[in-house]
């Protein structure tokens, strides 16, 4: 049975949930961008503005000026209300984490460079939860030697456990203090500072310890 992530570890952090005040009677709601108002939002989180797709998408390895990052892969759209990050495999406590579960965990913020050899190098400030924290919370087993990271687009590289457990590695959900743009991995992407950009899986939906 999967543990309740909030009562398992985060109970001391839970505060009164933030709410979005209703619009005045004379106000007109705008369909996009929209605020997330997930039921049971934990630990006093504020709603976020869900990114919207670009009207015109740059081509592969071209610069997206709106984000200051080069493009790799085709944009994938996930429903934030149903999004789950599965942590499975050689773990004692398999988990199914929501976006807000990740946001309630300890947060790190790092300026780092994504290196795509022969194509580009992109430096930016990313923020998210340490990957080691998530793996330890899941109870990763001593027999595990690597993890496979799977994106919604099917891209699924593996990284050694030494890299995954490094204090540098994290699961990013913010770029420069804002939710990651859809084209660059919203809602969550892997971040491995110092490692090749091919490990930075976008639209992350599964981590499997093997």
Protein backbone atom coordinates (compact mmCIF):
# COMPACT_ATOMS: atom_id res chain seq x y z
CA UNK A 1 0.00 0.00 0.00
CA UNK A 2 1.39 3.38 -0.95
CA UNK A 3 2.07 5.72 1.99
CA UNK A 4 0.27 9.01 2.41
CA UNK A 5 3.02 11.45 1.52
CA UNK A 6 1.69 14.24 3.69
CA UNK A 7 1.24 12.20 6.90
CA UNK A 8 4.42 10.21 6.28
CA UNK A 9 6.84 13.11 6.47
CA UNK A 10 5.28 16.49 5.91
CA UNK A 11 2.78 16.67 8.78
CA UNK A 12 4.86 19.27 10.67
CA UNK A 13 4.89 21.49 7.60
CA UNK A 14 1.16 21.49 6.89
CA UNK A 15 -0.44 24.87 7.42
CA UNK A 16 -3.77 26.37 6.50
CA UNK A 17 -4.31 25.95 2.82
CA UNK A 18 -4.16 29.02 0.62
CA UNK A 19 -7.35 29.89 -1.20
CA UNK A 20 -7.99 32.03 -4.20
CA UNK A 21 -10.54 34.76 -3.40
CA UNK A 22 -13.62 34.83 -5.62
CA UNK A 23 -13.77 37.36 -8.40
CA UNK A 24 -15.84 40.50 -7.71
CA UNK A 25 -19.32 40.35 -9.27
CA UNK A 26 -18.31 42.84 -11.95
CA UNK A 27 -15.06 41.06 -12.92
CA UNK A 28 -14.75 38.90 -15.98
CA UNK A 29 -12.62 35.77 -15.70
CA UNK A 30 -9.98 35.19 -18.36
CA UNK A 31 -9.72 31.59 -19.62
CA UNK A 32 -5.90 31.64 -19.83
CA UNK A 33 -3.63 31.74 -18.02
CA UNK A 34 -5.50 29.89 -15.29
CA UNK A 35 -4.72 29.40 -11.61
CA UNK A 36 -4.45 25.95 -10.13
CA UNK A 37 -6.93 25.43 -7.34
CA UNK A 38 -6.25 21.82 -6.47
CA UNK A 39 -8.39 20.51 -3.59
CA UNK A 40 -6.41 19.88 -0.41
CA UNK A 41 -3.38 21.94 -1.46
CA UNK A 42 -0.92 21.33 1.39
CA UNK A 43 1.63 23.38 3.36
CA UNK A 44 0.23 26.81 2.58
CA UNK A 45 1.17 26.81 -1.10
CA UNK A 46 0.07 29.66 -3.31
CA UNK A 47 -1.65 28.84 -6.60
CA UNK A 48 0.51 28.94 -9.73
CA UNK A 49 -0.10 30.22 -13.21
CA UNK A 50 -0.13 27.22 -15.52
CA UNK A 51 2.08 27.89 -18.57
CA UNK A 52 0.46 28.05 -21.98
CA UNK A 53 1.96 26.64 -25.19
CA UNK A 54 3.84 28.95 -27.52
CA UNK A 55 1.94 30.11 -30.58
CA UNK A 56 5.04 29.51 -32.71
CA UNK A 57 7.54 26.85 -31.64
CA UNK A 58 11.23 27.18 -32.58
CA UNK A 59 12.77 24.24 -34.38
CA UNK A 60 15.12 21.63 -32.86
CA UNK A 61 18.26 23.17 -31.31
CA UNK A 62 16.91 26.66 -32.06
CA UNK A 63 16.73 29.26 -29.29
CA UNK A 64 13.41 29.89 -27.59
CA UNK A 65 13.81 33.60 -26.74
CA UNK A 66 10.87 33.54 -24.35
CA UNK A 67 12.76 31.14 -22.05
CA UNK A 68 16.36 31.74 -23.07
CA UNK A 69 16.76 28.01 -23.73
CA UNK A 70 17.33 25.95 -26.84
CA UNK A 71 14.66 23.50 -27.97
CA UNK A 72 14.97 19.73 -27.63
CA UNK A 73 11.96 17.53 -28.17
CA UNK A 74 8.35 18.26 -29.06
CA UNK A 75 6.22 20.04 -26.47
CA UNK A 76 4.01 17.75 -24.41
CA UNK A 77 0.97 18.92 -22.48
CA UNK A 78 0.00 17.28 -19.18
CA UNK A 79 -3.05 17.97 -17.02
CA UNK A 80 -1.70 19.29 -13.74
CA UNK A 81 -4.71 18.11 -11.76
CA UNK A 82 -4.17 14.48 -12.77
CA UNK A 83 -0.37 14.61 -13.03
CA UNK A 84 1.52 12.03 -10.98
CA UNK A 85 5.22 11.20 -10.73
CA UNK A 86 5.55 7.49 -10.07
CA UNK A 87 8.53 6.25 -8.06
CA UNK A 88 8.80 2.49 -8.46
CA UNK A 89 11.18 -0.44 -8.80
CA UNK A 90 13.65 -1.34 -6.07
CA UNK A 91 12.07 0.81 -3.38
CA UNK A 92 10.35 -0.15 -0.13
CA UNK A 93 7.65 2.50 -0.46
CA UNK A 94 6.49 3.05 -4.06
CA UNK A 95 5.02 6.51 -4.41
CA UNK A 96 2.70 8.47 -6.66
CA UNK A 97 3.52 12.15 -6.20
CA UNK A 98 1.49 15.16 -7.23
CA UNK A 99 3.02 18.44 -8.35
CA UNK A 100 2.20 19.93 -4.96
CA UNK A 101 3.75 16.96 -3.13
CA UNK A 102 7.02 17.93 -4.78
CA UNK A 103 6.55 21.62 -4.06
CA UNK A 104 6.04 20.86 -0.34
CA UNK A 105 9.36 19.01 -0.08
CA UNK A 106 12.69 20.72 0.68
CA UNK A 107 13.58 23.10 -2.14
CA UNK A 108 16.93 23.83 -3.76
CA UNK A 109 17.74 26.56 -6.28
CA UNK A 110 20.81 26.37 -8.49
CA UNK A 111 22.31 28.20 -11.43
CA UNK A 112 23.55 25.53 -13.77
CA UNK A 113 24.37 24.91 -17.43
CA UNK A 114 22.74 22.35 -19.70
CA UNK A 115 25.34 21.09 -22.16
CA UNK A 116 24.31 19.58 -25.47
CA UNK A 117 27.68 18.80 -27.02
CA UNK A 118 28.19 20.31 -30.46
CA UNK A 119 24.91 22.24 -30.30
CA UNK A 120 24.50 24.61 -27.38
CA UNK A 121 25.06 25.41 -23.71
CA UNK A 122 22.23 27.03 -21.74
CA UNK A 123 22.78 28.59 -18.33
CA UNK A 124 19.79 29.38 -16.09
CA UNK A 125 18.53 29.26 -12.52
CA UNK A 126 16.41 26.19 -11.79
CA UNK A 127 14.65 25.13 -8.60
CA UNK A 128 13.09 21.94 -7.31
CA UNK A 129 13.41 19.08 -4.85
CA UNK A 130 16.65 17.09 -4.38
CA UNK A 131 16.37 13.75 -6.18
CA UNK A 132 18.16 12.07 -3.29
CA UNK A 133 15.42 13.24 -0.93
CA UNK A 134 12.73 11.63 -3.09
CA UNK A 135 14.63 8.35 -3.46
CA UNK A 136 15.32 8.13 0.27
CA UNK A 137 11.67 8.88 1.03
CA UNK A 138 10.73 5.98 -1.25
CA UNK A 139 13.18 3.74 0.60
CA UNK A 140 15.54 2.94 -2.25
CA UNK A 141 17.04 -0.51 -1.71
CA UNK A 142 20.73 -1.31 -1.35
CA UNK A 143 20.60 -3.59 -4.41
CA UNK A 144 19.66 -0.70 -6.75
CA UNK A 145 22.44 0.38 -9.10
CA UNK A 146 20.73 2.93 -11.34
CA UNK A 147 17.44 4.68 -12.06
CA UNK A 148 15.48 5.00 -15.26
CA UNK A 149 13.73 8.33 -15.86
CA UNK A 150 10.75 8.32 -18.21
CA UNK A 151 9.12 11.33 -19.85
CA UNK A 152 5.56 11.41 -21.21
CA UNK A 153 7.09 11.46 -24.71
CA UNK A 154 8.66 8.03 -24.11
CA UNK A 155 12.24 9.24 -23.71
CA UNK A 156 13.75 7.10 -20.94
CA UNK A 157 17.51 7.27 -20.23
CA UNK A 158 19.14 5.68 -17.19
CA UNK A 159 21.63 7.23 -14.79
CA UNK A 160 23.88 5.56 -12.24
CA UNK A 161 22.84 5.65 -8.63
CA UNK A 162 25.93 7.67 -7.78
CA UNK A 163 24.67 10.46 -10.04
CA UNK A 164 21.06 10.15 -8.85
CA UNK A 165 22.07 10.35 -5.19
CA UNK A 166 24.47 13.25 -5.70
CA UNK A 167 23.63 16.41 -3.77
CA UNK A 168 23.72 18.25 -7.11
CA UNK A 169 20.86 16.30 -8.73
CA UNK A 170 17.26 17.47 -8.36
CA UNK A 171 13.79 17.42 -9.89
CA UNK A 172 13.13 20.87 -11.30
CA UNK A 173 9.70 22.47 -11.33
CA UNK A 174 10.76 26.12 -11.63
CA UNK A 175 12.84 28.10 -14.10
CA UNK A 176 13.93 31.56 -12.93
CA UNK A 177 11.31 31.51 -10.17
CA UNK A 178 8.39 30.56 -12.42
CA UNK A 179 6.86 27.22 -13.46
CA UNK A 180 8.92 25.62 -16.23
CA UNK A 181 7.51 26.47 -19.69
CA UNK A 182 5.64 23.64 -21.40
CA UNK A 183 8.20 23.44 -24.20
CA UNK A 184 10.97 22.88 -21.66
CA UNK A 185 9.41 20.23 -19.44
CA UNK A 186 6.43 21.47 -17.40
CA UNK A 187 5.45 20.33 -14.87
CA UNK A 188 8.68 18.54 -13.84
CA UNK A 189 12.00 17.72 -15.45
CA UNK A 190 15.14 16.04 -14.17
CA UNK A 191 18.15 18.26 -13.50
CA UNK A 192 21.69 16.88 -13.37
CA UNK A 193 24.20 19.73 -13.10
CA UNK A 194 27.57 18.72 -14.51
CA UNK A 195 26.10 15.87 -16.55
CA UNK A 196 25.13 15.80 -20.22
CA UNK A 197 21.84 17.40 -21.18
CA UNK A 198 20.53 14.04 -22.38
CA UNK A 199 19.85 13.12 -18.76
CA UNK A 200 17.64 16.17 -18.19
CA UNK A 201 14.40 14.33 -18.96
CA UNK A 202 11.45 16.66 -19.60
CA UNK A 203 7.77 16.03 -18.75
CA UNK A 204 8.92 13.49 -16.17
CA UNK A 205 6.31 10.92 -15.16
CA UNK A 206 8.27 7.98 -13.76
CA UNK A 207 11.43 7.17 -11.82
CA UNK A 208 12.28 3.47 -11.63
CA UNK A 209 15.04 2.22 -9.33
CA UNK A 210 16.74 -0.84 -10.81
